[in-house]
């Protein structure tokens, strides 16, 4: 049964039993008790090595492979994200008589969730016993597949929930943009569980809720402050997450207060404060914070420079933007698509359309819809349709109907403004044929918060 698995993983472990013992802290191990430890040790460096050890031990009858060895081997198979290997291990588990072991079956379920969710649903139906962990795995699986409502059905049908169950469901709502649903479930969690028992949120749950508040912006600040109060009451430190939440919610004063009280200010905290200042138009403060960070000896990362370049874009600091852009390479960092997009925006807002186009041509990465959208906006604002004609066909090959409806609309508007009626009609027909989703005009609160009720 494991012949195909051995061929797929190509195990390179061809040593003696003494080598197996060396995998476990250099001490000899008994044949019955330490096979799992050997597999775990090998898997820590490479999943293939872990599977190779397992296959070799399986061929040697002197090694007793128990459920623990199977669990570690299954984790190695899952981390490789190869459906074929997981299916062969599934058959191997059944052949060894471990198919009804709830822990092995749940581990196998988790492997299927990561590789083939339809197989995971079939396995769930076949499982005679299920634990809270089993249901939590399925909640996560449905959420990853985009079916959050089905994940909620699983959550509601659970005979007993633990803190991980609540956290998984809240995370599913937050990641799908249904923020008010997530916050509503968090409030329900804080009151009581299904059995009337109080369930205290753990660090993962609280981090998810604070992230939800940050994504909501200003409307999320009220819940964020309540969570902050709860953290103070429980004497739990969440300084960096709180700085990020307050900064993104626009409560910059509170972000600075939390930041000032931090004993150790790492690059993540500095970046959160800089990005928050830039996001809310405090460009001079953002650049001053960056200089302070350098004076403190904290090394900036790629996200730090994204925040700094955003600050330059908002206030039209072309020279400063160019200087900070070049500084990215000086710090040994890699240019990201966000950095190029910021430079296109900086040049475009200043009317330097040729320079913006030069940035796009010199990019080491493929320009995305955001970069092109920024460039087209600059062309429209400064009446540079001659530059639009150079790139418009290339833009149409990059943008996607399901996500980039705003860019399609930009192109159509540019054609209309320059009385290119036939081209404008061609783009309109293209939008209809490809079912392009146009972006509707709406307020921030209605478009980003009210959808949380859906």
Protein backbone atom coordinates (compact mmCIF):
# COMPACT_ATOMS: atom_id res chain seq x y z
CA UNK A 1 0.00 0.00 0.00
CA UNK A 2 2.87 2.37 0.73
CA UNK A 3 4.71 1.56 -2.50
CA UNK A 4 3.24 4.59 -4.27
CA UNK A 5 3.94 6.83 -1.29
CA UNK A 6 7.57 5.74 -1.21
CA UNK A 7 7.86 6.47 -4.89
CA UNK A 8 6.26 9.91 -4.52
CA UNK A 9 8.31 11.08 -1.57
CA UNK A 10 11.55 9.50 -2.86
CA UNK A 11 12.93 8.80 0.62
CA UNK A 12 16.63 9.35 0.91
CA UNK A 13 16.92 7.74 4.31
CA UNK A 14 18.97 4.59 3.71
CA UNK A 15 20.78 4.32 7.00
CA UNK A 16 20.78 1.76 9.77
CA UNK A 17 18.80 1.64 12.99
CA UNK A 18 21.64 3.48 14.68
CA UNK A 19 20.89 6.47 12.39
CA UNK A 20 17.24 6.27 13.49
CA UNK A 21 18.33 6.49 17.13
CA UNK A 22 20.49 9.52 16.35
CA UNK A 23 17.40 11.33 15.11
CA UNK A 24 16.14 11.41 18.70
CA UNK A 25 18.61 13.42 20.80
CA UNK A 26 21.36 10.89 20.13
CA UNK A 27 19.94 8.30 22.56
CA UNK A 28 18.83 4.75 21.77
CA UNK A 29 15.08 4.25 21.68
CA UNK A 30 12.90 1.19 22.17
CA UNK A 31 11.29 -0.36 19.12
CA UNK A 32 7.79 0.19 20.43
CA UNK A 33 7.98 3.69 21.94
CA UNK A 34 10.14 6.02 19.87
CA UNK A 35 9.21 5.46 16.24
CA UNK A 36 6.90 8.50 16.52
CA UNK A 37 9.74 10.58 17.96
CA UNK A 38 12.03 9.64 15.07
CA UNK A 39 9.38 10.63 12.52
CA UNK A 40 8.67 13.89 14.35
CA UNK A 41 12.37 14.75 14.48
CA UNK A 42 12.87 14.01 10.77
CA UNK A 43 9.72 15.96 9.82
CA UNK A 44 10.98 19.06 11.60
CA UNK A 45 13.60 19.50 8.87
CA UNK A 46 11.60 18.17 5.92
CA UNK A 47 8.20 16.46 5.52
CA UNK A 48 9.75 14.19 2.90
CA UNK A 49 12.33 12.99 5.42
CA UNK A 50 9.58 12.24 7.91
CA UNK A 51 7.65 10.18 5.40
CA UNK A 52 10.87 8.48 4.32
CA UNK A 53 11.58 7.40 7.92
CA UNK A 54 8.01 6.13 8.26
CA UNK A 55 8.18 4.09 5.06
CA UNK A 56 11.50 2.54 6.07
CA UNK A 57 10.22 1.64 9.52
CA UNK A 58 7.08 0.15 8.02
CA UNK A 59 9.18 -2.20 5.91
CA UNK A 60 11.12 -3.33 8.99
CA UNK A 61 8.85 -5.56 11.03
CA UNK A 62 11.04 -5.03 14.12
CA UNK A 63 9.64 -1.49 14.45
CA UNK A 64 6.21 -1.22 16.02
CA UNK A 65 4.28 1.67 14.46
CA UNK A 66 1.57 2.91 16.78
CA UNK A 67 -1.06 5.63 16.42
CA UNK A 68 1.44 8.33 17.40
CA UNK A 69 3.76 7.38 14.56
CA UNK A 70 0.82 7.51 12.17
CA UNK A 71 -0.19 10.95 13.44
CA UNK A 72 3.25 12.45 12.80
CA UNK A 73 3.44 10.78 9.39
CA UNK A 74 0.02 12.16 8.51
CA UNK A 75 1.10 15.66 9.52
CA UNK A 76 4.08 15.33 7.20
CA UNK A 77 1.80 14.19 4.38
CA UNK A 78 -0.59 17.09 5.03
CA UNK A 79 2.21 19.69 4.96
CA UNK A 80 3.21 18.47 1.48
CA UNK A 81 -0.34 19.30 0.27
CA UNK A 82 -0.43 16.41 -2.18
CA UNK A 83 -3.89 14.85 -2.48
CA UNK A 84 -2.53 11.60 -3.90
CA UNK A 85 -0.21 11.03 -0.94
CA UNK A 86 -3.03 11.80 1.53
CA UNK A 87 -5.38 9.36 -0.21
CA UNK A 88 -2.78 6.59 -0.13
CA UNK A 89 -2.20 7.24 3.56
CA UNK A 90 -5.96 7.08 4.10
CA UNK A 91 -6.03 3.60 2.58
CA UNK A 92 -2.98 2.63 4.63
CA UNK A 93 -4.67 3.81 7.86
CA UNK A 94 -7.73 1.67 7.14
CA UNK A 95 -5.57 -1.35 6.34
CA UNK A 96 -3.74 -1.02 9.68
CA UNK A 97 -7.07 -0.90 11.51
CA UNK A 98 -6.85 2.72 12.69
CA UNK A 99 -9.77 3.99 10.61
CA UNK A 100 -12.05 4.33 13.63
CA UNK A 101 -9.43 6.11 15.77
CA UNK A 102 -10.95 9.57 16.21
CA UNK A 103 -7.60 11.33 16.56
CA UNK A 104 -6.10 9.79 13.44
CA UNK A 105 -9.34 10.34 11.52
CA UNK A 106 -9.39 14.01 12.57
CA UNK A 107 -5.76 14.43 11.52
CA UNK A 108 -6.63 12.84 8.19
CA UNK A 109 -9.63 15.18 7.92
CA UNK A 110 -7.32 18.17 8.43
CA UNK A 111 -5.03 16.87 5.68
CA UNK A 112 -7.99 16.59 3.28
CA UNK A 113 -9.15 20.12 4.17
CA UNK A 114 -5.76 21.40 3.05
CA UNK A 115 -5.70 19.36 -0.18
CA UNK A 116 -9.18 18.22 -1.27
CA UNK A 117 -12.19 19.56 0.63
CA UNK A 118 -14.75 17.27 -1.14
CA UNK A 119 -12.81 14.30 0.23
CA UNK A 120 -12.91 15.90 3.67
CA UNK A 121 -16.71 16.06 3.57
CA UNK A 122 -16.91 12.39 2.56
CA UNK A 123 -14.59 11.37 5.38
CA UNK A 124 -16.64 13.33 7.93
CA UNK A 125 -19.74 11.37 6.97
CA UNK A 126 -17.85 8.11 7.53
CA UNK A 127 -16.44 9.00 10.96
CA UNK A 128 -18.24 7.11 13.77
CA UNK A 129 -16.90 9.44 16.48
CA UNK A 130 -16.25 13.18 16.35
CA UNK A 131 -14.67 15.57 18.80
CA UNK A 132 -14.83 19.35 19.04
CA UNK A 133 -11.56 19.46 17.10
CA UNK A 134 -13.21 17.50 14.27
CA UNK A 135 -15.97 20.08 13.94
CA UNK A 136 -13.49 22.96 14.22
CA UNK A 137 -11.53 21.55 11.27
CA UNK A 138 -14.72 21.49 9.18
CA UNK A 139 -15.62 25.06 10.17
CA UNK A 140 -12.21 26.17 8.93
CA UNK A 141 -12.59 24.07 5.79
CA UNK A 142 -15.95 25.55 4.81
CA UNK A 143 -14.65 29.05 5.55
CA UNK A 144 -11.63 28.53 3.30
CA UNK A 145 -13.88 27.26 0.53
CA UNK A 146 -15.94 30.46 0.76
CA UNK A 147 -19.10 28.91 2.25
CA UNK A 148 -19.26 30.83 5.53
CA UNK A 149 -22.99 30.14 5.98
CA UNK A 150 -22.34 26.39 5.88
CA UNK A 151 -19.53 26.91 8.39
CA UNK A 152 -22.08 28.59 10.68
CA UNK A 153 -24.44 25.63 10.24
CA UNK A 154 -21.67 23.29 11.38
CA UNK A 155 -20.98 25.61 14.31
CA UNK A 156 -24.64 25.61 15.36
CA UNK A 157 -24.92 21.81 15.07
CA UNK A 158 -21.91 21.13 17.30
CA UNK A 159 -22.90 19.17 20.42
CA UNK A 160 -20.25 21.00 22.43
CA UNK A 161 -18.06 24.00 21.60
CA UNK A 162 -14.72 25.09 22.95
CA UNK A 163 -12.89 28.40 22.62
CA UNK A 164 -11.32 27.22 19.34
CA UNK A 165 -14.80 26.68 17.88
CA UNK A 166 -15.83 30.25 18.59
CA UNK A 167 -12.50 31.57 17.36
CA UNK A 168 -12.72 29.61 14.10
CA UNK A 169 -16.23 30.92 13.37
CA UNK A 170 -15.35 34.52 14.25
CA UNK A 171 -12.28 34.27 12.02
CA UNK A 172 -14.43 32.94 9.18
CA UNK A 173 -16.70 36.00 9.36
CA UNK A 174 -13.79 38.45 9.62
CA UNK A 175 -11.85 36.98 6.69
CA UNK A 176 -14.98 37.07 4.52
CA UNK A 177 -15.59 40.76 5.30
CA UNK A 178 -18.71 40.14 7.40
CA UNK A 179 -17.34 42.10 10.29
CA UNK A 180 -20.53 42.88 12.20
CA UNK A 181 -21.45 39.18 12.14
CA UNK A 182 -18.06 38.40 13.64
CA UNK A 183 -18.42 41.03 16.36
CA UNK A 184 -21.94 39.89 17.14
CA UNK A 185 -20.71 36.32 17.61
CA UNK A 186 -17.88 37.58 19.82
CA UNK A 187 -20.38 39.36 22.07
CA UNK A 188 -22.42 36.15 22.25
CA UNK A 189 -19.26 34.26 23.21
CA UNK A 190 -18.51 36.72 26.01
CA UNK A 191 -21.98 36.16 27.51
CA UNK A 192 -22.19 32.38 27.50
CA UNK A 193 -21.51 29.23 25.53
CA UNK A 194 -24.11 26.79 24.30
CA UNK A 195 -24.23 24.97 27.63
CA UNK A 196 -24.48 28.15 29.66
CA UNK A 197 -20.80 28.08 30.59
CA UNK A 198 -18.72 31.22 30.38
CA UNK A 199 -16.01 30.90 27.72
CA UNK A 200 -13.02 33.20 27.96
CA UNK A 201 -11.51 34.29 24.64
CA UNK A 202 -7.88 33.35 24.04
CA UNK A 203 -5.15 35.36 22.34
CA UNK A 204 -6.12 34.18 18.86
CA UNK A 205 -9.75 35.24 19.34
CA UNK A 206 -8.85 38.65 20.72
CA UNK A 207 -6.32 39.28 17.94
CA UNK A 208 -8.96 38.40 15.35
CA UNK A 209 -11.51 40.75 16.93
CA UNK A 210 -9.01 43.62 17.08
CA UNK A 211 -8.10 42.96 13.46
CA UNK A 212 -11.80 43.11 12.61
CA UNK A 213 -12.11 46.49 14.35
CA UNK A 214 -9.08 47.76 12.43
CA UNK A 215 -10.54 46.70 9.07
CA UNK A 216 -13.82 48.43 9.85
CA UNK A 217 -12.03 51.74 10.39
CA UNK A 218 -13.66 54.44 12.46
CA UNK A 219 -16.89 52.48 13.21
CA UNK A 220 -14.81 49.70 14.78
CA UNK A 221 -13.10 51.94 17.32
CA UNK A 222 -15.90 51.61 19.90
CA UNK A 223 -15.66 47.82 20.06
CA UNK A 224 -11.88 48.12 19.94
CA UNK A 225 -11.89 50.29 23.06
CA UNK A 226 -14.10 47.76 24.84
CA UNK A 227 -11.66 44.97 23.98
CA UNK A 228 -8.82 47.19 25.18
CA UNK A 229 -10.60 47.63 28.49
CA UNK A 230 -11.04 43.87 28.78
CA UNK A 231 -7.31 43.37 28.15
CA UNK A 232 -6.42 45.86 30.87
CA UNK A 233 -8.77 44.10 33.26
CA UNK A 234 -7.21 40.73 32.49
CA UNK A 235 -3.69 42.24 32.65
CA UNK A 236 -2.87 40.99 29.14
CA UNK A 237 -0.44 42.87 26.89
CA UNK A 238 -1.51 43.39 23.27
CA UNK A 239 0.36 46.59 22.59
CA UNK A 240 1.30 46.11 18.93
CA UNK A 241 -2.17 44.91 17.89
CA UNK A 242 -3.77 47.80 19.77
CA UNK A 243 -1.49 50.35 18.08
CA UNK A 244 -2.46 48.95 14.70
CA UNK A 245 -6.17 48.94 15.57
CA UNK A 246 -6.28 52.52 16.88
CA UNK A 247 -4.15 53.79 14.00
CA UNK A 248 -6.37 52.20 11.35
CA UNK A 249 -9.52 53.39 13.13
CA UNK A 250 -8.24 56.95 12.98
CA UNK A 251 -7.91 57.34 16.75
CA UNK A 252 -4.29 58.39 16.37
CA UNK A 253 -4.07 59.89 19.86
CA UNK A 254 -4.83 56.54 21.50
CA UNK A 255 -2.44 54.77 19.13
CA UNK A 256 0.34 57.11 20.29
CA UNK A 257 -0.57 56.61 23.96
CA UNK A 258 -0.40 52.82 23.68
CA UNK A 259 2.80 53.08 21.67
CA UNK A 260 4.43 55.39 24.23
CA UNK A 261 3.60 52.96 27.05
CA UNK A 262 5.24 50.02 25.27
CA UNK A 263 8.39 48.73 26.96
CA UNK A 264 9.87 47.38 23.73
CA UNK A 265 8.94 49.03 20.46
CA UNK A 266 9.55 46.64 17.58
CA UNK A 267 9.40 47.34 13.85
CA UNK A 268 5.79 46.10 13.66
CA UNK A 269 4.64 48.69 16.20
CA UNK A 270 6.59 51.50 14.49
CA UNK A 271 5.19 50.46 11.11
CA UNK A 272 1.62 50.37 12.41
CA UNK A 273 1.96 53.91 13.78
CA UNK A 274 3.64 55.25 10.62
CA UNK A 275 1.08 53.62 8.32
CA UNK A 276 -1.81 54.85 10.47
CA UNK A 277 -0.51 58.42 10.37
CA UNK A 278 -0.09 58.25 6.59
CA UNK A 279 -3.53 56.73 6.09
CA UNK A 280 -5.24 59.61 7.90
CA UNK A 281 -3.35 62.44 6.26
CA UNK A 282 -0.74 63.06 8.96
CA UNK A 283 2.13 62.82 6.49
CA UNK A 284 4.61 65.02 8.35
CA UNK A 285 4.04 63.03 11.53
CA UNK A 286 4.55 59.77 9.63
CA UNK A 287 7.91 60.89 8.22
CA UNK A 288 8.99 62.24 11.61
CA UNK A 289 8.16 58.86 13.18
CA UNK A 290 10.24 57.12 10.52
CA UNK A 291 13.24 59.27 11.34
CA UNK A 292 12.73 58.61 15.06
CA UNK A 293 12.62 54.89 14.36
CA UNK A 294 15.95 55.06 12.55
CA UNK A 295 17.47 57.01 15.45
CA UNK A 296 16.31 54.28 17.84
CA UNK A 297 18.22 51.75 15.75
CA UNK A 298 15.13 49.84 14.60
CA UNK A 299 15.54 48.35 11.11
CA UNK A 300 12.59 49.19 8.80
CA UNK A 301 10.95 46.50 6.70
CA UNK A 302 9.09 46.54 3.39
CA UNK A 303 5.78 47.48 5.03
CA UNK A 304 7.43 50.41 6.80
CA UNK A 305 8.49 51.90 3.49
CA UNK A 306 5.00 51.36 2.08
CA UNK A 307 3.62 53.57 4.85
CA UNK A 308 6.34 56.19 4.30
CA UNK A 309 5.71 56.32 0.54
CA UNK A 310 1.96 56.64 1.15
CA UNK A 311 2.70 59.67 3.32
CA UNK A 312 4.77 61.21 0.52
CA UNK A 313 2.00 60.56 -2.00
CA UNK A 314 -0.67 62.26 0.11
CA UNK A 315 1.28 65.51 0.35
CA UNK A 316 2.98 65.52 -3.05
CA UNK A 317 6.53 65.09 -1.72
CA UNK A 318 8.15 63.98 -4.96
CA UNK A 319 11.75 64.47 -3.88
CA UNK A 320 11.24 62.80 -0.52
CA UNK A 321 9.36 59.95 -2.16
CA UNK A 322 12.20 59.36 -4.60
CA UNK A 323 14.73 59.41 -1.76
CA UNK A 324 12.81 56.94 0.41
CA UNK A 325 12.20 54.67 -2.59
CA UNK A 326 15.94 54.44 -3.24
CA UNK A 327 16.48 53.82 0.48
CA UNK A 328 14.64 50.49 0.20
CA UNK A 329 17.52 48.99 -1.72
CA UNK A 330 20.05 50.60 0.62
CA UNK A 331 18.55 48.63 3.50
CA UNK A 332 18.86 45.39 1.51
CA UNK A 333 15.09 45.01 1.12
CA UNK A 334 13.16 43.85 -1.93
CA UNK A 335 10.91 46.18 -3.90
CA UNK A 336 7.26 45.15 -3.64
CA UNK A 337 4.37 45.97 -5.96
CA UNK A 338 3.09 48.43 -3.32
CA UNK A 339 6.31 50.45 -3.51
CA UNK A 340 6.08 50.80 -7.28
CA UNK A 341 2.41 51.67 -7.00
CA UNK A 342 3.19 54.44 -4.51
CA UNK A 343 5.82 55.93 -6.82
CA UNK A 344 3.39 55.90 -9.76
CA UNK A 345 0.88 57.67 -7.51
CA UNK A 346 3.46 60.23 -6.32
CA UNK A 347 4.54 61.13 -9.85
CA UNK A 348 0.98 61.01 -11.17
CA UNK A 349 -0.42 63.41 -8.59
CA UNK A 350 2.40 65.84 -9.37
CA UNK A 351 1.60 65.73 -13.09
CA UNK A 352 4.84 63.89 -13.94
CA UNK A 353 3.09 61.33 -16.11
CA UNK A 354 6.21 60.40 -18.11
CA UNK A 355 8.12 59.68 -14.90
CA UNK A 356 5.21 57.56 -13.65
CA UNK A 357 5.27 55.59 -16.90
CA UNK A 358 9.04 55.20 -16.53
CA UNK A 359 8.53 53.57 -13.12
CA UNK A 360 6.12 51.06 -14.68
CA UNK A 361 8.56 50.22 -17.48
CA UNK A 362 11.43 49.69 -15.03
CA UNK A 363 9.43 47.55 -12.63
CA UNK A 364 10.92 44.17 -11.77
CA UNK A 365 7.40 42.90 -11.19
CA UNK A 366 4.38 42.67 -13.47
CA UNK A 367 2.21 45.79 -12.93
CA UNK A 368 -1.20 44.94 -11.50
CA UNK A 369 -4.60 46.60 -11.83
CA UNK A 370 -3.91 48.97 -8.92
CA UNK A 371 -0.76 50.33 -10.55
CA UNK A 372 -2.46 50.76 -13.91
CA UNK A 373 -5.51 52.34 -12.27
CA UNK A 374 -3.31 54.92 -10.57
CA UNK A 375 -1.56 55.68 -13.84
CA UNK A 376 -4.81 56.05 -15.77
CA UNK A 377 -6.17 58.40 -13.09
CA UNK A 378 -3.10 60.60 -13.49
CA UNK A 379 -3.54 60.64 -17.27
CA UNK A 380 -7.19 61.62 -16.88
CA UNK A 381 -6.47 64.35 -14.33
CA UNK A 382 -3.70 65.94 -16.44
CA UNK A 383 -5.30 65.37 -19.88
CA UNK A 384 -2.59 63.03 -21.16
CA UNK A 385 -4.58 60.78 -23.45
CA UNK A 386 -1.47 60.32 -25.60
CA UNK A 387 0.02 58.29 -22.74
CA UNK A 388 -3.19 56.31 -22.32
CA UNK A 389 -3.08 55.14 -25.94
CA UNK A 390 0.36 53.63 -25.34
CA UNK A 391 -0.78 51.32 -22.57
CA UNK A 392 -4.52 50.78 -22.92
CA UNK A 393 -4.33 47.44 -24.78
CA UNK A 394 -1.78 46.13 -22.28
CA UNK A 395 -4.03 47.18 -19.40
CA UNK A 396 -6.97 45.27 -20.88
CA UNK A 397 -4.91 42.06 -20.82
CA UNK A 398 -4.12 42.47 -17.11
CA UNK A 399 -7.40 43.52 -15.49
CA UNK A 400 -9.98 40.95 -14.40
CA UNK A 401 -13.75 41.33 -14.90
CA UNK A 402 -14.67 40.06 -11.43
CA UNK A 403 -12.42 42.42 -9.45
CA UNK A 404 -11.33 45.35 -11.62
CA UNK A 405 -14.58 46.90 -12.79
CA UNK A 406 -13.36 50.35 -11.78
CA UNK A 407 -10.45 50.18 -14.24
CA UNK A 408 -12.80 49.19 -17.07
CA UNK A 409 -14.92 52.20 -16.22
CA UNK A 410 -11.83 54.44 -16.21
CA UNK A 411 -10.87 53.28 -19.70
CA UNK A 412 -14.38 53.83 -21.00
CA UNK A 413 -14.50 57.33 -19.49
CA UNK A 414 -11.13 58.23 -21.03
CA UNK A 415 -12.38 57.22 -24.47
CA UNK A 416 -15.55 59.30 -24.01
CA UNK A 417 -13.63 62.36 -22.81
CA UNK A 418 -11.51 62.21 -25.96
CA UNK A 419 -14.54 61.54 -28.19
CA UNK A 420 -13.37 58.05 -29.15
CA UNK A 421 -16.93 56.85 -29.38
CA UNK A 422 -16.30 53.57 -31.19
CA UNK A 423 -13.60 52.54 -28.73
CA UNK A 424 -15.82 53.49 -25.80
CA UNK A 425 -18.62 51.34 -27.21
CA UNK A 426 -16.17 48.46 -27.71
CA UNK A 427 -15.16 48.58 -24.05
CA UNK A 428 -18.81 48.77 -22.94
CA UNK A 429 -19.64 45.65 -24.96
CA UNK A 430 -16.59 43.95 -23.51
CA UNK A 431 -17.83 44.77 -20.02
CA UNK A 432 -21.26 43.30 -20.81
CA UNK A 433 -19.87 40.15 -22.41
CA UNK A 434 -17.49 39.47 -19.53
CA UNK A 435 -20.01 40.36 -16.81
CA UNK A 436 -17.74 43.07 -15.42
CA UNK A 437 -18.74 44.11 -11.92
CA UNK A 438 -18.86 47.88 -11.82
CA UNK A 439 -18.03 49.67 -8.58
CA UNK A 440 -21.06 51.55 -7.30
CA UNK A 441 -20.72 54.90 -5.62
CA UNK A 442 -21.41 54.54 -1.90
CA UNK A 443 -20.28 55.87 1.44
CA UNK A 444 -17.58 54.21 3.47
CA UNK A 445 -19.94 53.28 6.29
CA UNK A 446 -22.57 51.66 4.08
CA UNK A 447 -20.21 49.77 1.78
CA UNK A 448 -17.75 48.53 4.39
CA UNK A 449 -19.85 48.11 7.50
CA UNK A 450 -23.44 47.39 6.51
CA UNK A 451 -22.36 44.42 4.42
CA UNK A 452 -21.34 42.82 7.72
CA UNK A 453 -25.03 42.07 8.28
CA UNK A 454 -25.27 39.93 5.15
